[in-house]
């Protein structure tokens, strides 16, 4: 069982890395974009399911459990928003995903505060708990705020949401790959923990630039 889960997890990870890149560089809304986007979603789903199997059936690791929830939820909400382009079209599955993800993020923040109060100081693990706890909580809160709205400021709000969430999921996949590589080659170095945050630090500005470019394009077309 361990070998089946492990190798399936790796296979899904490889597919994810390649299929996640193609929607970024291909024509948005085109056939290849949609097909590779679906492949990316289902490979992320495969990673999530096999990660749960490894965590609960082989060796429990709460930190990786929450990271798995965060990574998949980002992909999940980015995919789901394509089916709820109008406000009010969310269903129970959207609410359930957001609530579970919020609880997971808050638990990270709780453990970070607990470690700080215990006098452990701002160690790398505490930094990671704060960073990922905040990110995990925010993406779920952002969705729940959207669920409550009756109208949106922009007709293309779903586009930005889709782009942000799916790009975030791809960054999460790259982060997982970087962490694995750092564990193999940089584990003896004190700054190997940077593998957890560097992909996000590089990817976030790129998403922001792309968002501004599309915003300008949509506004010029009256959207």
C-alpha atoms as a PDB file:
ATOM      1  CA  UNK A   1       0.000   0.000   0.000  1.00  0.00           C
ATOM      2  CA  UNK A   2       2.815   2.404   0.865  1.00  0.00           C
ATOM      3  CA  UNK A   3       4.548   1.818  -2.472  1.00  0.00           C
ATOM      4  CA  UNK A   4       1.295   2.166  -4.450  1.00  0.00           C
ATOM      5  CA  UNK A   5       0.440   5.448  -2.739  1.00  0.00           C
ATOM      6  CA  UNK A   6       3.989   6.762  -2.967  1.00  0.00           C
ATOM      7  CA  UNK A   7       4.511   6.073  -6.662  1.00  0.00           C
ATOM      8  CA  UNK A   8       1.020   7.237  -7.590  1.00  0.00           C
ATOM      9  CA  UNK A   9       1.704  10.433  -5.637  1.00  0.00           C
ATOM     10  CA  UNK A  10       4.975  10.952  -7.530  1.00  0.00           C
ATOM     11  CA  UNK A  11       3.329  10.233 -10.895  1.00  0.00           C
ATOM     12  CA  UNK A  12       0.556  12.731 -10.194  1.00  0.00           C
ATOM     13  CA  UNK A  13       3.190  15.252  -9.133  1.00  0.00           C
ATOM     14  CA  UNK A  14       5.072  14.915 -12.417  1.00  0.00           C
ATOM     15  CA  UNK A  15       1.874  15.288 -14.442  1.00  0.00           C
ATOM     16  CA  UNK A  16       0.909  18.269 -12.297  1.00  0.00           C
ATOM     17  CA  UNK A  17       4.173  20.128 -12.905  1.00  0.00           C
ATOM     18  CA  UNK A  18       3.892  19.830 -16.686  1.00  0.00           C
ATOM     19  CA  UNK A  19       0.117  20.207 -17.060  1.00  0.00           C
ATOM     20  CA  UNK A  20       0.113  23.252 -14.767  1.00  0.00           C
ATOM     21  CA  UNK A  21       2.599  25.106 -16.960  1.00  0.00           C
ATOM     22  CA  UNK A  22       0.675  24.730 -20.229  1.00  0.00           C
ATOM     23  CA  UNK A  23      -2.458  26.676 -19.206  1.00  0.00           C
ATOM     24  CA  UNK A  24      -0.175  29.566 -18.221  1.00  0.00           C
ATOM     25  CA  UNK A  25       1.556  29.826 -21.589  1.00  0.00           C
ATOM     26  CA  UNK A  26      -1.303  28.845 -23.920  1.00  0.00           C
ATOM     27  CA  UNK A  27      -4.203  30.977 -25.158  1.00  0.00           C
ATOM     28  CA  UNK A  28      -6.627  31.596 -22.301  1.00  0.00           C
ATOM     29  CA  UNK A  29      -9.963  29.919 -22.886  1.00  0.00           C
ATOM     30  CA  UNK A  30      -8.622  27.903 -25.817  1.00  0.00           C
ATOM     31  CA  UNK A  31      -9.063  24.166 -26.200  1.00  0.00           C
ATOM     32  CA  UNK A  32      -5.518  23.317 -25.049  1.00  0.00           C
ATOM     33  CA  UNK A  33      -5.869  25.666 -22.086  1.00  0.00           C
ATOM     34  CA  UNK A  34      -9.080  23.968 -20.961  1.00  0.00           C
ATOM     35  CA  UNK A  35      -7.823  20.425 -21.510  1.00  0.00           C
ATOM     36  CA  UNK A  36      -4.524  20.910 -19.709  1.00  0.00           C
ATOM     37  CA  UNK A  37      -6.309  22.857 -16.984  1.00  0.00           C
ATOM     38  CA  UNK A  38      -8.575  19.886 -16.325  1.00  0.00           C
ATOM     39  CA  UNK A  39      -5.561  17.576 -16.336  1.00  0.00           C
ATOM     40  CA  UNK A  40      -3.859  19.846 -13.812  1.00  0.00           C
ATOM     41  CA  UNK A  41      -6.934  19.830 -11.565  1.00  0.00           C
ATOM     42  CA  UNK A  42      -7.267  16.055 -11.557  1.00  0.00           C
ATOM     43  CA  UNK A  43      -3.546  15.523 -11.039  1.00  0.00           C
ATOM     44  CA  UNK A  44      -3.763  17.879  -8.037  1.00  0.00           C
ATOM     45  CA  UNK A  45      -6.719  15.840  -6.829  1.00  0.00           C
ATOM     46  CA  UNK A  46      -4.612  12.688  -7.207  1.00  0.00           C
ATOM     47  CA  UNK A  47      -1.807  14.301  -5.203  1.00  0.00           C
ATOM     48  CA  UNK A  48      -4.293  15.285  -2.492  1.00  0.00           C
ATOM     49  CA  UNK A  49      -5.885  11.840  -2.191  1.00  0.00           C
ATOM     50  CA  UNK A  50      -2.579   9.956  -2.164  1.00  0.00           C
ATOM     51  CA  UNK A  51      -1.163  12.465   0.339  1.00  0.00           C
ATOM     52  CA  UNK A  52      -4.119  11.758   2.643  1.00  0.00           C
ATOM     53  CA  UNK A  53      -3.488   8.044   2.220  1.00  0.00           C
ATOM     54  CA  UNK A  54       0.189   8.379   3.112  1.00  0.00           C
ATOM     55  CA  UNK A  55      -0.579  10.661   6.061  1.00  0.00           C
ATOM     56  CA  UNK A  56      -3.345   8.557   7.616  1.00  0.00           C
ATOM     57  CA  UNK A  57      -2.304   5.033   6.605  1.00  0.00           C
ATOM     58  CA  UNK A  58       1.505   5.217   6.686  1.00  0.00           C
ATOM     59  CA  UNK A  59       2.811   8.043   8.867  1.00  0.00           C
ATOM     60  CA  UNK A  60       0.702  10.825  10.325  1.00  0.00           C
ATOM     61  CA  UNK A  61       2.050  14.335   9.827  1.00  0.00           C
ATOM     62  CA  UNK A  62      -0.287  17.197  10.743  1.00  0.00           C
ATOM     63  CA  UNK A  63       1.869  19.846   9.100  1.00  0.00           C
ATOM     64  CA  UNK A  64       1.745  18.088   5.727  1.00  0.00           C
ATOM     65  CA  UNK A  65      -1.983  17.437   6.196  1.00  0.00           C
ATOM     66  CA  UNK A  66      -2.759  21.154   6.400  1.00  0.00           C
ATOM     67  CA  UNK A  67      -0.379  21.927   3.534  1.00  0.00           C
ATOM     68  CA  UNK A  68      -2.228  19.332   1.445  1.00  0.00           C
ATOM     69  CA  UNK A  69      -5.573  20.941   2.285  1.00  0.00           C
ATOM     70  CA  UNK A  70      -4.231  24.400   1.401  1.00  0.00           C
ATOM     71  CA  UNK A  71      -2.722  23.248  -1.899  1.00  0.00           C
ATOM     72  CA  UNK A  72      -5.778  21.388  -3.112  1.00  0.00           C
ATOM     73  CA  UNK A  73      -8.297  23.987  -1.946  1.00  0.00           C
ATOM     74  CA  UNK A  74      -6.531  26.644  -3.990  1.00  0.00           C
ATOM     75  CA  UNK A  75      -6.923  24.436  -7.058  1.00  0.00           C
ATOM     76  CA  UNK A  76     -10.468  23.450  -6.069  1.00  0.00           C
ATOM     77  CA  UNK A  77     -11.767  27.001  -5.714  1.00  0.00           C
ATOM     78  CA  UNK A  78     -10.003  28.076  -8.914  1.00  0.00           C
ATOM     79  CA  UNK A  79     -11.752  25.267 -10.785  1.00  0.00           C
ATOM     80  CA  UNK A  80     -15.135  25.684  -9.102  1.00  0.00           C
ATOM     81  CA  UNK A  81     -15.366  29.417  -9.833  1.00  0.00           C
ATOM     82  CA  UNK A  82     -15.711  28.563 -13.533  1.00  0.00           C
ATOM     83  CA  UNK A  83     -19.075  27.004 -12.612  1.00  0.00           C
ATOM     84  CA  UNK A  84     -20.239  29.918 -10.447  1.00  0.00           C
ATOM     85  CA  UNK A  85     -19.403  33.003 -12.475  1.00  0.00           C
ATOM     86  CA  UNK A  86     -22.482  34.702 -11.058  1.00  0.00           C
ATOM     87  CA  UNK A  87     -22.700  35.495  -7.365  1.00  0.00           C
ATOM     88  CA  UNK A  88     -25.001  33.239  -5.407  1.00  0.00           C
ATOM     89  CA  UNK A  89     -24.255  30.128  -7.477  1.00  0.00           C
ATOM     90  CA  UNK A  90     -22.122  28.491  -4.791  1.00  0.00           C
ATOM     91  CA  UNK A  91     -23.343  25.197  -3.329  1.00  0.00           C
ATOM     92  CA  UNK A  92     -22.775  23.254  -0.123  1.00  0.00           C
ATOM     93  CA  UNK A  93     -19.530  21.793  -1.486  1.00  0.00           C
ATOM     94  CA  UNK A  94     -18.071  25.282  -1.879  1.00  0.00           C
ATOM     95  CA  UNK A  95     -19.029  26.179   1.683  1.00  0.00           C
ATOM     96  CA  UNK A  96     -17.721  22.872   3.046  1.00  0.00           C
ATOM     97  CA  UNK A  97     -14.377  23.308   1.326  1.00  0.00           C
ATOM     98  CA  UNK A  98     -14.017  26.875   2.596  1.00  0.00           C
ATOM     99  CA  UNK A  99     -14.918  26.012   6.198  1.00  0.00           C
ATOM    100  CA  UNK A 100     -12.571  23.004   6.352  1.00  0.00           C
ATOM    101  CA  UNK A 101      -9.751  25.063   4.881  1.00  0.00           C
ATOM    102  CA  UNK A 102     -10.356  27.921   7.325  1.00  0.00           C
ATOM    103  CA  UNK A 103     -10.196  25.559  10.295  1.00  0.00           C
ATOM    104  CA  UNK A 104      -6.967  24.075   8.933  1.00  0.00           C
ATOM    105  CA  UNK A 105      -5.396  27.521   8.546  1.00  0.00           C
ATOM    106  CA  UNK A 106      -6.483  28.681  12.011  1.00  0.00           C
ATOM    107  CA  UNK A 107      -4.994  25.555  13.549  1.00  0.00           C
ATOM    108  CA  UNK A 108      -1.600  26.508  12.085  1.00  0.00           C
ATOM    109  CA  UNK A 109      -1.882  29.982  13.572  1.00  0.00           C
ATOM    110  CA  UNK A 110      -2.860  28.433  16.913  1.00  0.00           C
ATOM    111  CA  UNK A 111       0.216  26.198  16.965  1.00  0.00           C
ATOM    112  CA  UNK A 112       2.423  29.139  15.968  1.00  0.00           C
ATOM    113  CA  UNK A 113       1.109  31.249  18.851  1.00  0.00           C
ATOM    114  CA  UNK A 114       1.419  28.285  21.202  1.00  0.00           C
ATOM    115  CA  UNK A 115       5.084  27.841  20.258  1.00  0.00           C
ATOM    116  CA  UNK A 116       5.797  31.550  20.688  1.00  0.00           C
ATOM    117  CA  UNK A 117       4.154  31.631  24.126  1.00  0.00           C
ATOM    118  CA  UNK A 118       6.180  28.579  25.112  1.00  0.00           C
ATOM    119  CA  UNK A 119       9.321  30.610  24.468  1.00  0.00           C
ATOM    120  CA  UNK A 120      10.521  28.738  21.406  1.00  0.00           C
ATOM    121  CA  UNK A 121      11.250  31.995  19.581  1.00  0.00           C
ATOM    122  CA  UNK A 122      10.771  32.760  15.896  1.00  0.00           C
ATOM    123  CA  UNK A 123      12.143  29.473  14.615  1.00  0.00           C
ATOM    124  CA  UNK A 124      11.744  28.419  10.944  1.00  0.00           C
ATOM    125  CA  UNK A 125       8.851  26.092  11.779  1.00  0.00           C
ATOM    126  CA  UNK A 126       7.024  28.941  13.538  1.00  0.00           C
ATOM    127  CA  UNK A 127       7.556  31.200  10.523  1.00  0.00           C
ATOM    128  CA  UNK A 128       6.154  28.508   8.240  1.00  0.00           C
ATOM    129  CA  UNK A 129       3.150  27.993  10.520  1.00  0.00           C
ATOM    130  CA  UNK A 130       2.394  31.721  10.467  1.00  0.00           C
ATOM    131  CA  UNK A 131       2.897  32.118   6.709  1.00  0.00           C
ATOM    132  CA  UNK A 132       0.916  29.075   5.609  1.00  0.00           C
ATOM    133  CA  UNK A 133      -1.657  29.469   8.365  1.00  0.00           C
ATOM    134  CA  UNK A 134      -2.355  33.030   7.231  1.00  0.00           C
ATOM    135  CA  UNK A 135      -2.488  32.086   3.536  1.00  0.00           C
ATOM    136  CA  UNK A 136      -4.728  29.093   4.168  1.00  0.00           C
ATOM    137  CA  UNK A 137      -7.108  31.126   6.325  1.00  0.00           C
ATOM    138  CA  UNK A 138      -7.231  34.027   3.895  1.00  0.00           C
ATOM    139  CA  UNK A 139      -8.113  32.093   0.738  1.00  0.00           C
ATOM    140  CA  UNK A 140     -11.053  30.486   2.541  1.00  0.00           C
ATOM    141  CA  UNK A 141     -12.211  33.767   4.138  1.00  0.00           C
ATOM    142  CA  UNK A 142     -11.986  35.468   0.741  1.00  0.00           C
ATOM    143  CA  UNK A 143     -14.292  32.837  -0.734  1.00  0.00           C
ATOM    144  CA  UNK A 144     -16.788  33.083   2.123  1.00  0.00           C
ATOM    145  CA  UNK A 145     -16.909  36.855   1.686  1.00  0.00           C
ATOM    146  CA  UNK A 146     -17.657  36.328  -2.009  1.00  0.00           C
ATOM    147  CA  UNK A 147     -20.419  33.873  -1.093  1.00  0.00           C
ATOM    148  CA  UNK A 148     -22.105  36.634   0.911  1.00  0.00           C
ATOM    149  CA  UNK A 149     -22.075  39.240  -1.859  1.00  0.00           C
ATOM    150  CA  UNK A 150     -25.075  39.985  -4.057  1.00  0.00           C
ATOM    151  CA  UNK A 151     -23.078  41.606  -6.850  1.00  0.00           C
ATOM    152  CA  UNK A 152     -19.445  42.100  -7.869  1.00  0.00           C
ATOM    153  CA  UNK A 153     -17.620  45.247  -8.922  1.00  0.00           C
ATOM    154  CA  UNK A 154     -16.264  43.645 -12.081  1.00  0.00           C
ATOM    155  CA  UNK A 155     -17.899  41.344 -14.605  1.00  0.00           C
ATOM    156  CA  UNK A 156     -14.598  39.498 -14.861  1.00  0.00           C
ATOM    157  CA  UNK A 157     -14.155  38.909 -11.110  1.00  0.00           C
ATOM    158  CA  UNK A 158     -14.280  35.180 -11.687  1.00  0.00           C
ATOM    159  CA  UNK A 159     -11.361  35.454 -14.148  1.00  0.00           C
ATOM    160  CA  UNK A 160      -9.119  37.078 -11.554  1.00  0.00           C
ATOM    161  CA  UNK A 161     -10.225  34.586  -8.931  1.00  0.00           C
ATOM    162  CA  UNK A 162      -9.542  31.672 -11.272  1.00  0.00           C
ATOM    163  CA  UNK A 163      -6.134  33.011 -12.247  1.00  0.00           C
ATOM    164  CA  UNK A 164      -5.075  33.757  -8.669  1.00  0.00           C
ATOM    165  CA  UNK A 165      -6.244  30.422  -7.287  1.00  0.00           C
ATOM    166  CA  UNK A 166      -4.918  28.169 -10.049  1.00  0.00           C
ATOM    167  CA  UNK A 167      -1.607  30.036 -10.129  1.00  0.00           C
ATOM    168  CA  UNK A 168      -1.419  29.648  -6.355  1.00  0.00           C
ATOM    169  CA  UNK A 169      -2.029  25.928  -6.710  1.00  0.00           C
ATOM    170  CA  UNK A 170       0.765  25.671  -9.259  1.00  0.00           C
ATOM    171  CA  UNK A 171       3.098  27.574  -6.941  1.00  0.00           C
ATOM    172  CA  UNK A 172       2.162  25.071  -4.235  1.00  0.00           C
ATOM    173  CA  UNK A 173       3.105  22.211  -6.573  1.00  0.00           C
ATOM    174  CA  UNK A 174       6.452  23.838  -7.360  1.00  0.00           C
ATOM    175  CA  UNK A 175       6.997  24.418  -3.642  1.00  0.00           C
ATOM    176  CA  UNK A 176       6.425  20.730  -2.920  1.00  0.00           C
ATOM    177  CA  UNK A 177       8.959  19.822  -5.614  1.00  0.00           C
ATOM    178  CA  UNK A 178      11.473  22.358  -4.276  1.00  0.00           C
ATOM    179  CA  UNK A 179      11.074  21.048  -0.730  1.00  0.00           C
ATOM    180  CA  UNK A 180      11.673  17.482  -1.882  1.00  0.00           C
ATOM    181  CA  UNK A 181      14.793  18.537  -3.772  1.00  0.00           C
ATOM    182  CA  UNK A 182      16.067  20.560  -0.803  1.00  0.00           C
ATOM    183  CA  UNK A 183      15.536  17.527   1.393  1.00  0.00           C
ATOM    184  CA  UNK A 184      17.712  15.469  -0.923  1.00  0.00           C
ATOM    185  CA  UNK A 185      20.497  17.962  -1.596  1.00  0.00           C
ATOM    186  CA  UNK A 186      20.278  20.833   0.884  1.00  0.00           C
ATOM    187  CA  UNK A 187      19.066  19.174   4.069  1.00  0.00           C
ATOM    188  CA  UNK A 188      22.404  19.851   5.771  1.00  0.00           C
ATOM    189  CA  UNK A 189      22.114  23.607   5.161  1.00  0.00           C
ATOM    190  CA  UNK A 190      20.414  25.849   7.709  1.00  0.00           C
ATOM    191  CA  UNK A 191      18.573  27.848   5.030  1.00  0.00           C
ATOM    192  CA  UNK A 192      16.989  24.870   3.248  1.00  0.00           C
ATOM    193  CA  UNK A 193      13.638  25.955   4.743  1.00  0.00           C
ATOM    194  CA  UNK A 194      13.631  28.768   2.174  1.00  0.00           C
ATOM    195  CA  UNK A 195      12.390  26.188  -0.325  1.00  0.00           C
ATOM    196  CA  UNK A 196       9.024  26.544   1.418  1.00  0.00           C
ATOM    197  CA  UNK A 197       8.722  30.289   0.783  1.00  0.00           C
ATOM    198  CA  UNK A 198      10.839  31.217  -2.256  1.00  0.00           C
ATOM    199  CA  UNK A 199       8.393  29.895  -4.916  1.00  0.00           C
ATOM    200  CA  UNK A 200       5.658  32.021  -3.392  1.00  0.00           C
ATOM    201  CA  UNK A 201       7.899  35.066  -3.086  1.00  0.00           C
ATOM    202  CA  UNK A 202       8.782  34.776  -6.782  1.00  0.00           C
ATOM    203  CA  UNK A 203       5.358  33.718  -8.020  1.00  0.00           C
ATOM    204  CA  UNK A 204       3.213  36.298  -6.202  1.00  0.00           C
ATOM    205  CA  UNK A 205       4.684  39.347  -8.012  1.00  0.00           C
ATOM    206  CA  UNK A 206       4.318  37.532 -11.349  1.00  0.00           C
ATOM    207  CA  UNK A 207       0.631  36.919 -10.640  1.00  0.00           C
ATOM    208  CA  UNK A 208       0.199  40.569  -9.682  1.00  0.00           C
ATOM    209  CA  UNK A 209       1.799  41.726 -12.964  1.00  0.00           C
ATOM    210  CA  UNK A 210      -0.407  39.387 -15.007  1.00  0.00           C
ATOM    211  CA  UNK A 211      -3.500  40.547 -13.121  1.00  0.00           C
ATOM    212  CA  UNK A 212      -2.760  44.212 -13.877  1.00  0.00           C
ATOM    213  CA  UNK A 213      -2.163  43.397 -17.550  1.00  0.00           C
ATOM    214  CA  UNK A 214      -5.487  41.595 -17.924  1.00  0.00           C
ATOM    215  CA  UNK A 215      -7.315  44.245 -15.910  1.00  0.00           C
ATOM    216  CA  UNK A 216      -6.104  46.887 -18.333  1.00  0.00           C
ATOM    217  CA  UNK A 217      -7.131  44.709 -21.278  1.00  0.00           C
ATOM    218  CA  UNK A 218     -10.618  44.026 -19.904  1.00  0.00           C
ATOM    219  CA  UNK A 219     -11.236  47.662 -18.984  1.00  0.00           C
ATOM    220  CA  UNK A 220     -10.305  48.776 -22.492  1.00  0.00           C
ATOM    221  CA  UNK A 221     -12.945  46.361 -23.798  1.00  0.00           C
ATOM    222  CA  UNK A 222     -15.579  47.658 -21.379  1.00  0.00           C
ATOM    223  CA  UNK A 223     -15.416  44.645 -19.078  1.00  0.00           C
END
